[in-house]
Amino acid sequence: MEYSASLAEPVAPVKPDGAASAVSAPESEDHQDHHFDPLAILLAGRASSGFGDELVLSSDEISEADVLDYQEFLCFRVCTEQYAINIMEIKEIIKPREITEVPRVPEFISGVLSLRGIIIPVFNMGMRLHLEPVAAGTKERIIVVSKGEELFGIQVDEVLQVVRIPEGGIEQPPAVLEGIDRDFVQGIGRHPSGMLILLNLASILDVSLY
């Protein structure tokens, strides 16, 4: 499998640490409908780890299977907590915009918005995760994600970075989590800066889990 290096912005290489590498998530302030390309982020993340095109060329040292052993996660802040979701579930990231309230929906659904003519339900992640609210800031974003053929928006307080975690660096949710809290957690990722909570997006978007 070959990847075009032109899809990724140039990133200064750093020495791989064998655990997880981080690269800032790109976001255009000039366009409200900013397209967030998971493949471009994936390539940028690999380039920042010193792999880049060498990943394809140095077949004696690194195989395609080695690449597939890694997953890319977008990290974001909700209230005072940090979480992450797999970037392959992300379509784009947009700035906050007008949301129309909808009657008789769970309280964690802020309403719906129109994105290029498509009506998308928007989840308030703070309320969804039962967190203490914080004052709204200027870094709020709506992450547009997909579940099957449907699109959803999740409101977060800040988008942080993309991290690269090997399969062996992802652990099962701790036993202390029970009920709905355990359903929401896919696993715990080991990262140089600490443990990272990886969310189960399918469960987050399942309104029957309430």
N, C-alpha and C. Protein backbone atom coordinates (compact mmCIF):
# COMPACT_ATOMS: atom_id res chain seq x y z
N MET A 1 0.86 -1.20 0.00
CA MET A 1 0.00 0.00 0.00
C MET A 1 0.88 1.23 0.00
N GLU A 2 0.61 2.19 -0.90
CA GLU A 2 1.41 3.40 -0.97
C GLU A 2 0.55 4.60 -0.65
N TYR A 3 1.10 5.56 0.07
CA TYR A 3 0.39 6.78 0.43
C TYR A 3 1.09 7.95 -0.23
N SER A 4 0.30 8.90 -0.66
CA SER A 4 0.87 10.09 -1.28
C SER A 4 1.28 11.07 -0.21
N ALA A 5 2.54 11.44 -0.18
CA ALA A 5 3.02 12.36 0.84
C ALA A 5 2.42 13.74 0.68
N SER A 6 1.86 14.04 -0.50
CA SER A 6 1.30 15.37 -0.75
C SER A 6 0.03 15.61 0.04
N LEU A 7 -0.55 14.55 0.61
CA LEU A 7 -1.79 14.72 1.37
C LEU A 7 -1.52 15.31 2.74
N ALA A 8 -0.29 15.27 3.20
CA ALA A 8 0.02 15.73 4.55
C ALA A 8 0.86 16.99 4.50
N GLU A 9 0.64 17.88 5.47
CA GLU A 9 1.47 19.05 5.61
C GLU A 9 2.84 18.61 6.10
N PRO A 10 3.94 19.28 5.66
CA PRO A 10 5.27 18.90 6.13
C PRO A 10 5.35 19.04 7.64
N VAL A 11 5.91 18.04 8.28
CA VAL A 11 6.08 18.05 9.72
C VAL A 11 7.52 17.70 10.02
N ALA A 12 8.15 18.45 10.90
CA ALA A 12 9.54 18.16 11.25
C ALA A 12 9.61 16.82 11.95
N PRO A 13 10.48 15.89 11.47
CA PRO A 13 10.53 14.57 12.08
C PRO A 13 11.08 14.61 13.49
N VAL A 14 10.55 13.75 14.32
CA VAL A 14 11.04 13.59 15.68
C VAL A 14 11.33 12.13 15.88
N LYS A 15 12.10 11.81 16.89
CA LYS A 15 12.49 10.43 17.15
C LYS A 15 11.31 9.65 17.68
N PRO A 16 10.99 8.47 17.09
CA PRO A 16 9.88 7.66 17.58
C PRO A 16 10.13 7.24 19.01
N ASP A 17 9.09 7.28 19.84
CA ASP A 17 9.26 6.88 21.23
C ASP A 17 8.74 5.48 21.50
N GLY A 18 8.15 4.82 20.48
CA GLY A 18 7.71 3.45 20.64
C GLY A 18 6.37 3.34 21.31
N ALA A 19 5.83 4.45 21.82
CA ALA A 19 4.53 4.36 22.49
C ALA A 19 3.50 5.11 21.68
N ALA A 20 3.41 6.42 21.84
CA ALA A 20 2.43 7.20 21.09
C ALA A 20 3.06 8.52 20.72
N SER A 21 2.79 9.00 19.52
CA SER A 21 3.33 10.27 19.06
C SER A 21 2.19 11.21 18.83
N ALA A 22 2.42 12.50 19.05
CA ALA A 22 1.35 13.49 18.93
C ALA A 22 1.66 14.45 17.82
N VAL A 23 0.61 14.90 17.14
CA VAL A 23 0.73 15.95 16.13
C VAL A 23 -0.50 16.81 16.23
N SER A 24 -0.32 18.14 16.21
CA SER A 24 -1.44 19.04 16.39
C SER A 24 -2.48 18.84 15.31
N ALA A 25 -3.76 18.94 15.70
CA ALA A 25 -4.84 18.80 14.74
C ALA A 25 -4.98 20.09 13.95
N PRO A 26 -4.91 20.04 12.62
CA PRO A 26 -5.02 21.26 11.83
C PRO A 26 -6.44 21.78 11.82
N GLU A 27 -6.55 23.09 11.85
CA GLU A 27 -7.88 23.67 11.76
C GLU A 27 -7.80 25.03 11.13
N SER A 28 -8.58 25.28 10.13
CA SER A 28 -8.58 26.55 9.43
C SER A 28 -9.52 27.51 10.12
N GLU A 29 -9.02 28.69 10.46
CA GLU A 29 -9.87 29.70 11.08
C GLU A 29 -10.59 30.51 10.02
N ASP A 30 -10.20 30.32 8.73
CA ASP A 30 -10.78 31.14 7.68
C ASP A 30 -12.09 30.60 7.17
N HIS A 31 -12.31 29.29 7.33
CA HIS A 31 -13.52 28.69 6.80
C HIS A 31 -14.27 27.99 7.92
N GLN A 32 -15.54 28.32 8.05
CA GLN A 32 -16.33 27.73 9.12
C GLN A 32 -16.55 26.25 8.89
N ASP A 33 -16.71 25.83 7.64
CA ASP A 33 -16.88 24.41 7.32
C ASP A 33 -15.51 23.83 6.99
N HIS A 34 -14.69 23.64 8.01
CA HIS A 34 -13.34 23.13 7.78
C HIS A 34 -13.37 21.62 7.64
N HIS A 35 -12.84 21.11 6.51
CA HIS A 35 -12.80 19.67 6.29
C HIS A 35 -11.64 19.07 7.06
N PHE A 36 -11.90 18.03 7.80
CA PHE A 36 -10.90 17.37 8.63
C PHE A 36 -10.64 16.01 8.01
N ASP A 37 -9.51 15.88 7.31
CA ASP A 37 -9.22 14.68 6.54
C ASP A 37 -8.44 13.68 7.39
N PRO A 38 -9.07 12.57 7.81
CA PRO A 38 -8.37 11.61 8.66
C PRO A 38 -7.10 11.07 8.02
N LEU A 39 -7.10 10.83 6.70
CA LEU A 39 -5.92 10.29 6.05
C LEU A 39 -4.76 11.27 6.11
N ALA A 40 -5.06 12.56 5.89
CA ALA A 40 -4.00 13.56 5.96
C ALA A 40 -3.40 13.62 7.35
N ILE A 41 -4.26 13.53 8.38
CA ILE A 41 -3.76 13.55 9.75
C ILE A 41 -2.93 12.31 10.02
N LEU A 42 -3.39 11.16 9.53
CA LEU A 42 -2.66 9.92 9.73
C LEU A 42 -1.27 10.01 9.13
N LEU A 43 -1.18 10.53 7.90
CA LEU A 43 0.12 10.65 7.24
C LEU A 43 1.01 11.65 7.97
N ALA A 44 0.41 12.75 8.43
CA ALA A 44 1.20 13.74 9.16
C ALA A 44 1.72 13.16 10.45
N GLY A 45 0.89 12.36 11.11
CA GLY A 45 1.31 11.73 12.36
C GLY A 45 2.47 10.78 12.13
N ARG A 46 2.42 10.02 11.05
CA ARG A 46 3.51 9.09 10.76
C ARG A 46 4.78 9.85 10.39
N ALA A 47 4.61 10.94 9.63
CA ALA A 47 5.79 11.72 9.25
C ALA A 47 6.47 12.31 10.48
N SER A 48 5.66 12.77 11.45
CA SER A 48 6.22 13.37 12.66
C SER A 48 6.96 12.35 13.50
N SER A 49 6.67 11.06 13.27
CA SER A 49 7.35 10.01 14.02
C SER A 49 8.58 9.49 13.29
N GLY A 50 8.92 10.13 12.17
CA GLY A 50 10.12 9.74 11.46
C GLY A 50 9.91 8.63 10.46
N PHE A 51 8.67 8.26 10.15
CA PHE A 51 8.42 7.20 9.20
C PHE A 51 8.26 7.76 7.80
N GLY A 52 7.15 8.48 7.55
CA GLY A 52 6.90 9.08 6.25
C GLY A 52 6.99 8.06 5.14
N ASP A 53 7.66 8.45 4.02
CA ASP A 53 7.79 7.56 2.87
C ASP A 53 8.69 6.37 3.16
N GLU A 54 9.57 6.49 4.16
CA GLU A 54 10.45 5.38 4.49
C GLU A 54 9.64 4.16 4.91
N LEU A 55 8.44 4.40 5.37
CA LEU A 55 7.58 3.30 5.79
C LEU A 55 7.31 2.35 4.64
N VAL A 56 7.15 2.90 3.44
CA VAL A 56 6.88 2.07 2.27
C VAL A 56 8.18 1.52 1.69
N LEU A 57 9.23 2.33 1.70
CA LEU A 57 10.46 1.95 1.02
C LEU A 57 11.29 0.95 1.82
N SER A 58 11.32 1.08 3.15
CA SER A 58 12.16 0.22 3.97
C SER A 58 11.41 -1.03 4.38
N SER A 59 11.05 -1.85 3.42
CA SER A 59 10.23 -3.02 3.71
C SER A 59 10.94 -4.05 4.56
N ASP A 60 12.30 -4.03 4.56
CA ASP A 60 13.04 -4.99 5.37
C ASP A 60 12.89 -4.70 6.86
N GLU A 61 12.66 -3.43 7.18
CA GLU A 61 12.61 -3.05 8.59
C GLU A 61 11.18 -2.87 9.08
N ILE A 62 10.31 -2.29 8.24
CA ILE A 62 8.94 -1.99 8.66
C ILE A 62 7.99 -2.49 7.60
N SER A 63 7.04 -3.29 7.98
CA SER A 63 6.07 -3.84 7.04
C SER A 63 4.75 -3.10 7.15
N GLU A 64 3.86 -3.35 6.17
CA GLU A 64 2.54 -2.73 6.21
C GLU A 64 1.80 -3.15 7.46
N ALA A 65 2.01 -4.38 7.92
CA ALA A 65 1.34 -4.86 9.13
C ALA A 65 1.72 -4.01 10.33
N ASP A 66 2.99 -3.53 10.35
CA ASP A 66 3.42 -2.68 11.46
C ASP A 66 2.62 -1.39 11.49
N VAL A 67 2.33 -0.82 10.30
CA VAL A 67 1.56 0.42 10.24
C VAL A 67 0.15 0.19 10.77
N LEU A 68 -0.44 -0.93 10.39
CA LEU A 68 -1.81 -1.20 10.79
C LEU A 68 -1.92 -1.51 12.27
N ASP A 69 -0.78 -1.70 12.96
CA ASP A 69 -0.80 -1.96 14.39
C ASP A 69 -1.00 -0.68 15.18
N TYR A 70 -1.03 0.46 14.49
CA TYR A 70 -1.23 1.74 15.17
C TYR A 70 -2.60 2.32 14.84
N GLN A 71 -3.16 3.05 15.81
CA GLN A 71 -4.40 3.78 15.58
C GLN A 71 -4.17 5.25 15.90
N GLU A 72 -4.93 6.10 15.21
CA GLU A 72 -4.84 7.54 15.41
C GLU A 72 -6.09 8.01 16.16
N PHE A 73 -5.90 8.82 17.18
CA PHE A 73 -7.02 9.32 17.98
C PHE A 73 -6.95 10.84 18.08
N LEU A 74 -8.11 11.48 17.94
CA LEU A 74 -8.21 12.92 18.16
C LEU A 74 -8.50 13.16 19.63
N CYS A 75 -7.66 13.95 20.28
CA CYS A 75 -7.85 14.29 21.69
C CYS A 75 -8.59 15.62 21.80
N PHE A 76 -9.49 15.70 22.75
CA PHE A 76 -10.23 16.93 22.97
C PHE A 76 -10.59 17.05 24.45
N ARG A 77 -10.94 18.27 24.82
CA ARG A 77 -11.32 18.54 26.21
C ARG A 77 -12.83 18.73 26.31
N VAL A 78 -13.42 18.09 27.31
CA VAL A 78 -14.82 18.29 27.65
C VAL A 78 -14.85 18.70 29.12
N CYS A 79 -15.31 19.92 29.39
CA CYS A 79 -15.23 20.49 30.74
C CYS A 79 -13.77 20.47 31.17
N THR A 80 -13.43 19.76 32.23
CA THR A 80 -12.03 19.71 32.67
C THR A 80 -11.37 18.38 32.34
N GLU A 81 -12.05 17.52 31.61
CA GLU A 81 -11.54 16.18 31.31
C GLU A 81 -11.05 16.09 29.86
N GLN A 82 -10.12 15.18 29.62
CA GLN A 82 -9.63 14.93 28.27
C GLN A 82 -10.06 13.54 27.80
N TYR A 83 -10.51 13.49 26.54
CA TYR A 83 -10.97 12.24 25.94
C TYR A 83 -10.42 12.16 24.52
N ALA A 84 -10.67 11.02 23.87
CA ALA A 84 -10.22 10.85 22.49
C ALA A 84 -11.15 9.90 21.75
N ILE A 85 -11.26 10.10 20.43
CA ILE A 85 -12.00 9.18 19.57
C ILE A 85 -11.13 8.88 18.35
N ASN A 86 -11.39 7.75 17.72
CA ASN A 86 -10.63 7.34 16.55
C ASN A 86 -10.87 8.33 15.40
N ILE A 87 -9.80 8.79 14.75
CA ILE A 87 -9.98 9.81 13.71
C ILE A 87 -10.71 9.27 12.49
N MET A 88 -10.75 7.96 12.31
CA MET A 88 -11.46 7.42 11.16
C MET A 88 -12.97 7.57 11.29
N GLU A 89 -13.44 7.95 12.48
CA GLU A 89 -14.87 8.19 12.69
C GLU A 89 -15.23 9.66 12.48
N ILE A 90 -14.22 10.49 12.20
CA ILE A 90 -14.41 11.93 12.10
C ILE A 90 -14.54 12.36 10.64
N LYS A 91 -15.51 13.22 10.37
CA LYS A 91 -15.69 13.78 9.03
C LYS A 91 -15.07 15.17 8.92
N GLU A 92 -15.32 16.01 9.91
CA GLU A 92 -14.76 17.35 9.90
C GLU A 92 -14.96 18.00 11.26
N ILE A 93 -14.32 19.15 11.43
CA ILE A 93 -14.46 19.93 12.66
C ILE A 93 -14.91 21.33 12.26
N ILE A 94 -15.95 21.82 12.92
CA ILE A 94 -16.48 23.13 12.58
C ILE A 94 -16.57 24.00 13.83
N LYS A 95 -16.63 25.30 13.60
CA LYS A 95 -16.82 26.24 14.71
C LYS A 95 -18.28 26.21 15.16
N PRO A 96 -18.54 26.66 16.39
CA PRO A 96 -19.93 26.72 16.87
C PRO A 96 -20.79 27.57 15.94
N ARG A 97 -22.02 27.16 15.79
CA ARG A 97 -22.97 27.89 14.95
C ARG A 97 -24.36 27.74 15.55
N GLU A 98 -25.33 28.35 14.91
CA GLU A 98 -26.69 28.31 15.43
C GLU A 98 -27.23 26.89 15.46
N ILE A 99 -27.74 26.52 16.62
CA ILE A 99 -28.34 25.19 16.82
C ILE A 99 -29.82 25.38 17.14
N THR A 100 -30.67 24.68 16.43
CA THR A 100 -32.11 24.77 16.65
C THR A 100 -32.55 23.72 17.66
N GLU A 101 -33.17 24.16 18.74
CA GLU A 101 -33.63 23.23 19.77
C GLU A 101 -34.77 22.38 19.24
N VAL A 102 -34.83 21.15 19.72
CA VAL A 102 -35.87 20.21 19.31
C VAL A 102 -36.60 19.73 20.56
N PRO A 103 -37.93 19.77 20.56
CA PRO A 103 -38.66 19.34 21.76
C PRO A 103 -38.63 17.83 21.94
N ARG A 104 -38.83 17.41 23.18
CA ARG A 104 -38.97 16.00 23.55
C ARG A 104 -37.79 15.14 23.11
N VAL A 105 -36.59 15.64 23.38
CA VAL A 105 -35.38 14.85 23.15
C VAL A 105 -34.61 14.80 24.46
N PRO A 106 -33.71 13.85 24.64
CA PRO A 106 -32.91 13.81 25.86
C PRO A 106 -32.17 15.12 26.08
N GLU A 107 -31.92 15.46 27.34
CA GLU A 107 -31.32 16.75 27.65
C GLU A 107 -29.91 16.91 27.10
N PHE A 108 -29.23 15.80 26.80
CA PHE A 108 -27.87 15.91 26.29
C PHE A 108 -27.82 16.20 24.79
N ILE A 109 -28.98 16.28 24.15
CA ILE A 109 -29.03 16.68 22.74
C ILE A 109 -29.35 18.17 22.67
N SER A 110 -28.39 18.96 22.21
CA SER A 110 -28.57 20.41 22.18
C SER A 110 -29.59 20.84 21.15
N GLY A 111 -29.74 20.05 20.09
CA GLY A 111 -30.66 20.37 19.01
C GLY A 111 -30.09 19.87 17.69
N VAL A 112 -30.43 20.58 16.62
CA VAL A 112 -29.93 20.18 15.30
C VAL A 112 -29.34 21.41 14.60
N LEU A 113 -28.44 21.15 13.67
CA LEU A 113 -27.90 22.21 12.84
C LEU A 113 -27.91 21.75 11.39
N SER A 114 -27.80 22.71 10.49
CA SER A 114 -27.76 22.41 9.06
C SER A 114 -26.33 22.57 8.57
N LEU A 115 -25.79 21.49 8.01
CA LEU A 115 -24.44 21.50 7.47
C LEU A 115 -24.52 21.20 5.98
N ARG A 116 -24.40 22.24 5.17
CA ARG A 116 -24.52 22.11 3.72
C ARG A 116 -25.80 21.38 3.33
N GLY A 117 -26.89 21.75 3.99
CA GLY A 117 -28.20 21.20 3.67
C GLY A 117 -28.54 19.91 4.38
N ILE A 118 -27.61 19.36 5.15
CA ILE A 118 -27.86 18.12 5.89
C ILE A 118 -28.16 18.47 7.34
N ILE A 119 -29.27 17.96 7.86
CA ILE A 119 -29.65 18.22 9.24
C ILE A 119 -28.94 17.22 10.15
N ILE A 120 -28.21 17.73 11.13
CA ILE A 120 -27.37 16.90 12.00
C ILE A 120 -27.75 17.13 13.46
N PRO A 121 -28.06 16.07 14.21
CA PRO A 121 -28.28 16.23 15.65
C PRO A 121 -26.95 16.51 16.35
N VAL A 122 -27.00 17.36 17.38
CA VAL A 122 -25.79 17.77 18.08
C VAL A 122 -25.86 17.33 19.54
N PHE A 123 -24.84 16.62 19.99
CA PHE A 123 -24.77 16.12 21.36
C PHE A 123 -23.90 17.05 22.20
N ASN A 124 -24.40 17.42 23.37
CA ASN A 124 -23.61 18.16 24.34
C ASN A 124 -22.79 17.14 25.13
N MET A 125 -21.49 17.06 24.87
CA MET A 125 -20.68 16.01 25.47
C MET A 125 -20.53 16.15 26.98
N GLY A 126 -20.56 17.37 27.48
CA GLY A 126 -20.48 17.56 28.92
C GLY A 126 -21.66 16.91 29.62
N MET A 127 -22.86 17.14 29.09
CA MET A 127 -24.06 16.54 29.68
C MET A 127 -24.11 15.04 29.40
N ARG A 128 -23.66 14.64 28.23
CA ARG A 128 -23.69 13.22 27.89
C ARG A 128 -22.82 12.40 28.83
N LEU A 129 -21.70 12.98 29.24
CA LEU A 129 -20.76 12.27 30.12
C LEU A 129 -20.97 12.60 31.59
N HIS A 130 -22.04 13.35 31.88
CA HIS A 130 -22.41 13.68 33.26
C HIS A 130 -21.29 14.44 33.98
N LEU A 131 -20.73 15.44 33.30
CA LEU A 131 -19.65 16.23 33.88
C LEU A 131 -20.17 17.56 34.38
N GLU A 132 -19.43 18.13 35.34
CA GLU A 132 -19.79 19.45 35.85
C GLU A 132 -19.52 20.49 34.76
N PRO A 133 -20.51 21.34 34.45
CA PRO A 133 -20.32 22.32 33.38
C PRO A 133 -19.28 23.36 33.73
N VAL A 134 -18.65 23.92 32.70
CA VAL A 134 -17.70 25.01 32.87
C VAL A 134 -18.14 26.16 31.98
N ALA A 135 -17.60 27.33 32.23
CA ALA A 135 -17.97 28.50 31.43
C ALA A 135 -17.54 28.30 29.98
N ALA A 136 -18.40 28.74 29.07
CA ALA A 136 -18.09 28.61 27.64
C ALA A 136 -16.86 29.44 27.30
N GLY A 137 -16.01 28.90 26.44
CA GLY A 137 -14.81 29.60 26.02
C GLY A 137 -14.80 29.85 24.52
N THR A 138 -13.69 30.35 24.04
CA THR A 138 -13.57 30.68 22.61
C THR A 138 -13.03 29.52 21.79
N LYS A 139 -12.68 28.42 22.44
CA LYS A 139 -12.08 27.29 21.73
C LYS A 139 -13.07 26.16 21.47
N GLU A 140 -14.33 26.40 21.76
CA GLU A 140 -15.34 25.36 21.53
C GLU A 140 -15.40 24.97 20.06
N ARG A 141 -15.64 23.71 19.82
CA ARG A 141 -15.77 23.20 18.46
C ARG A 141 -16.86 22.12 18.42
N ILE A 142 -17.35 21.88 17.22
CA ILE A 142 -18.28 20.77 16.98
C ILE A 142 -17.57 19.78 16.07
N ILE A 143 -17.39 18.57 16.56
CA ILE A 143 -16.75 17.52 15.77
C ILE A 143 -17.86 16.74 15.06
N VAL A 144 -17.83 16.74 13.74
CA VAL A 144 -18.83 16.02 12.95
C VAL A 144 -18.31 14.59 12.75
N VAL A 145 -19.10 13.63 13.23
CA VAL A 145 -18.68 12.22 13.18
C VAL A 145 -19.73 11.41 12.42
N SER A 146 -19.34 10.22 12.03
CA SER A 146 -20.26 9.35 11.28
C SER A 146 -20.54 8.08 12.06
N LYS A 147 -21.77 7.61 11.91
CA LYS A 147 -22.17 6.31 12.44
C LYS A 147 -22.99 5.66 11.33
N GLY A 148 -22.38 4.73 10.61
CA GLY A 148 -23.03 4.19 9.43
C GLY A 148 -23.14 5.28 8.38
N GLU A 149 -24.34 5.50 7.88
CA GLU A 149 -24.57 6.53 6.86
C GLU A 149 -24.99 7.86 7.48
N GLU A 150 -25.14 7.91 8.79
CA GLU A 150 -25.63 9.11 9.47
C GLU A 150 -24.50 9.96 10.00
N LEU A 151 -24.75 11.27 10.09
CA LEU A 151 -23.80 12.21 10.65
C LEU A 151 -24.34 12.78 11.95
N PHE A 152 -23.44 13.03 12.89
CA PHE A 152 -23.78 13.61 14.18
C PHE A 152 -22.73 14.66 14.52
N GLY A 153 -23.12 15.59 15.37
CA GLY A 153 -22.16 16.57 15.88
C GLY A 153 -21.98 16.37 17.37
N ILE A 154 -20.74 16.46 17.84
CA ILE A 154 -20.50 16.40 19.28
C ILE A 154 -19.79 17.69 19.69
N GLN A 155 -20.35 18.38 20.67
CA GLN A 155 -19.81 19.64 21.15
C GLN A 155 -18.70 19.38 22.17
N VAL A 156 -17.53 19.96 21.93
CA VAL A 156 -16.42 19.83 22.87
C VAL A 156 -15.90 21.22 23.19
N ASP A 157 -15.19 21.34 24.31
CA ASP A 157 -14.71 22.64 24.74
C ASP A 157 -13.40 23.05 24.07
N GLU A 158 -12.64 22.07 23.59
CA GLU A 158 -11.39 22.39 22.91
C GLU A 158 -10.87 21.15 22.20
N VAL A 159 -10.40 21.34 20.96
CA VAL A 159 -9.71 20.27 20.25
C VAL A 159 -8.22 20.42 20.54
N LEU A 160 -7.57 19.33 20.93
CA LEU A 160 -6.20 19.40 21.40
C LEU A 160 -5.17 18.93 20.37
N GLN A 161 -5.15 17.65 20.08
CA GLN A 161 -4.12 17.11 19.20
C GLN A 161 -4.53 15.72 18.73
N VAL A 162 -3.75 15.20 17.80
CA VAL A 162 -3.92 13.82 17.36
C VAL A 162 -2.76 13.00 17.91
N VAL A 163 -3.07 11.86 18.51
CA VAL A 163 -2.02 11.00 19.04
C VAL A 163 -2.05 9.66 18.34
N ARG A 164 -0.92 9.03 18.30
CA ARG A 164 -0.73 7.77 17.60
C ARG A 164 -0.42 6.71 18.65
N ILE A 165 -1.28 5.71 18.78
CA ILE A 165 -1.13 4.71 19.84
C ILE A 165 -1.06 3.32 19.23
N PRO A 166 -0.07 2.52 19.61
CA PRO A 166 0.00 1.15 19.10
C PRO A 166 -1.10 0.30 19.72
N GLU A 167 -1.48 -0.76 19.02
CA GLU A 167 -2.54 -1.64 19.53
C GLU A 167 -2.21 -2.14 20.93
N GLY A 168 -0.94 -2.44 21.16
CA GLY A 168 -0.54 -2.95 22.46
C GLY A 168 -0.61 -1.91 23.56
N GLY A 169 -0.81 -0.65 23.18
CA GLY A 169 -0.90 0.42 24.17
C GLY A 169 -2.32 0.75 24.58
N ILE A 170 -3.28 -0.05 24.11
CA ILE A 170 -4.69 0.16 24.46
C ILE A 170 -5.16 -0.95 25.38
N GLU A 171 -5.66 -0.57 26.54
CA GLU A 171 -6.10 -1.53 27.54
C GLU A 171 -7.62 -1.49 27.68
N GLN A 172 -8.18 -2.54 28.24
CA GLN A 172 -9.62 -2.61 28.48
C GLN A 172 -10.02 -1.59 29.54
N PRO A 173 -11.30 -1.14 29.53
CA PRO A 173 -11.76 -0.21 30.56
C PRO A 173 -11.57 -0.81 31.95
N PRO A 174 -11.22 -0.01 32.94
CA PRO A 174 -11.02 -0.53 34.30
C PRO A 174 -12.29 -1.11 34.89
N ALA A 175 -12.13 -2.09 35.75
CA ALA A 175 -13.27 -2.78 36.35
C ALA A 175 -14.11 -1.86 37.23
N VAL A 176 -13.52 -0.75 37.69
CA VAL A 176 -14.27 0.15 38.58
C VAL A 176 -15.39 0.87 37.84
N LEU A 177 -15.30 0.91 36.51
CA LEU A 177 -16.38 1.53 35.73
C LEU A 177 -17.55 0.56 35.63
N GLU A 178 -18.74 1.05 35.89
CA GLU A 178 -19.92 0.20 35.84
C GLU A 178 -21.02 0.88 35.03
N GLY A 179 -21.95 0.07 34.56
CA GLY A 179 -23.14 0.58 33.89
C GLY A 179 -22.82 1.42 32.68
N ILE A 180 -23.50 2.57 32.59
CA ILE A 180 -23.40 3.41 31.40
C ILE A 180 -21.99 3.97 31.22
N ASP A 181 -21.29 4.25 32.33
CA ASP A 181 -19.94 4.79 32.22
C ASP A 181 -19.02 3.81 31.50
N ARG A 182 -19.17 2.53 31.77
CA ARG A 182 -18.34 1.52 31.11
C ARG A 182 -18.72 1.40 29.63
N ASP A 183 -20.00 1.54 29.32
CA ASP A 183 -20.44 1.47 27.92
C ASP A 183 -19.80 2.56 27.08
N PHE A 184 -19.55 3.71 27.68
CA PHE A 184 -19.03 4.85 26.95
C PHE A 184 -17.53 4.78 26.69
N VAL A 185 -16.84 3.89 27.37
CA VAL A 185 -15.37 3.83 27.28
C VAL A 185 -14.94 2.62 26.46
N GLN A 186 -14.23 2.88 25.38
CA GLN A 186 -13.69 1.80 24.55
C GLN A 186 -12.46 1.18 25.19
N GLY A 187 -11.65 2.02 25.81
CA GLY A 187 -10.43 1.53 26.44
C GLY A 187 -9.61 2.68 26.99
N ILE A 188 -8.46 2.34 27.51
CA ILE A 188 -7.52 3.33 28.04
C ILE A 188 -6.24 3.25 27.22
N GLY A 189 -5.84 4.38 26.64
CA GLY A 189 -4.63 4.42 25.84
C GLY A 189 -3.45 4.94 26.64
N ARG A 190 -2.32 4.26 26.53
CA ARG A 190 -1.10 4.71 27.20
C ARG A 190 -0.39 5.74 26.32
N HIS A 191 -0.15 6.90 26.91
CA HIS A 191 0.44 8.02 26.18
C HIS A 191 1.55 8.60 27.04
N PRO A 192 2.62 9.15 26.45
CA PRO A 192 3.72 9.68 27.26
C PRO A 192 3.28 10.68 28.33
N SER A 193 2.22 11.43 28.06
CA SER A 193 1.76 12.42 29.04
C SER A 193 0.81 11.83 30.07
N GLY A 194 0.47 10.55 29.93
CA GLY A 194 -0.43 9.91 30.89
C GLY A 194 -1.43 9.01 30.20
N MET A 195 -2.43 8.58 30.94
CA MET A 195 -3.47 7.71 30.40
C MET A 195 -4.51 8.55 29.66
N LEU A 196 -5.01 8.02 28.56
CA LEU A 196 -5.98 8.71 27.74
C LEU A 196 -7.25 7.88 27.64
N ILE A 197 -8.40 8.47 27.95
CA ILE A 197 -9.68 7.76 27.90
C ILE A 197 -10.18 7.76 26.46
N LEU A 198 -10.31 6.57 25.88
CA LEU A 198 -10.79 6.42 24.51
C LEU A 198 -12.28 6.11 24.54
N LEU A 199 -13.06 6.97 23.92
CA LEU A 199 -14.51 6.83 23.98
C LEU A 199 -15.05 5.87 22.93
N ASN A 200 -16.11 5.18 23.30
CA ASN A 200 -16.85 4.31 22.38
C ASN A 200 -17.92 5.17 21.71
N LEU A 201 -17.64 5.64 20.52
CA LEU A 201 -18.52 6.60 19.86
C LEU A 201 -19.90 6.01 19.59
N ALA A 202 -19.97 4.73 19.22
CA ALA A 202 -21.26 4.11 18.94
C ALA A 202 -22.17 4.17 20.16
N SER A 203 -21.61 3.94 21.35
CA SER A 203 -22.40 4.00 22.57
C SER A 203 -22.78 5.44 22.92
N ILE A 204 -21.86 6.36 22.69
CA ILE A 204 -22.14 7.78 22.96
C ILE A 204 -23.34 8.24 22.15
N LEU A 205 -23.43 7.79 20.91
CA LEU A 205 -24.50 8.24 20.01
C LEU A 205 -25.78 7.42 20.14
N ASP A 206 -25.77 6.41 20.98
CA ASP A 206 -26.95 5.57 21.20
C ASP A 206 -27.83 6.21 22.27
N VAL A 207 -28.90 6.87 21.86
CA VAL A 207 -29.73 7.62 22.81
C VAL A 207 -30.48 6.71 23.76
N SER A 208 -30.53 5.41 23.49
CA SER A 208 -31.19 4.48 24.42
C SER A 208 -30.36 4.26 25.67
N LEU A 209 -29.06 4.57 25.60
CA LEU A 209 -28.18 4.46 26.77
C LEU A 209 -28.24 5.78 27.53
N TYR A 210 -29.12 5.83 28.49
CA TYR A 210 -29.34 7.10 29.19
C TYR A 210 -29.73 6.83 30.64
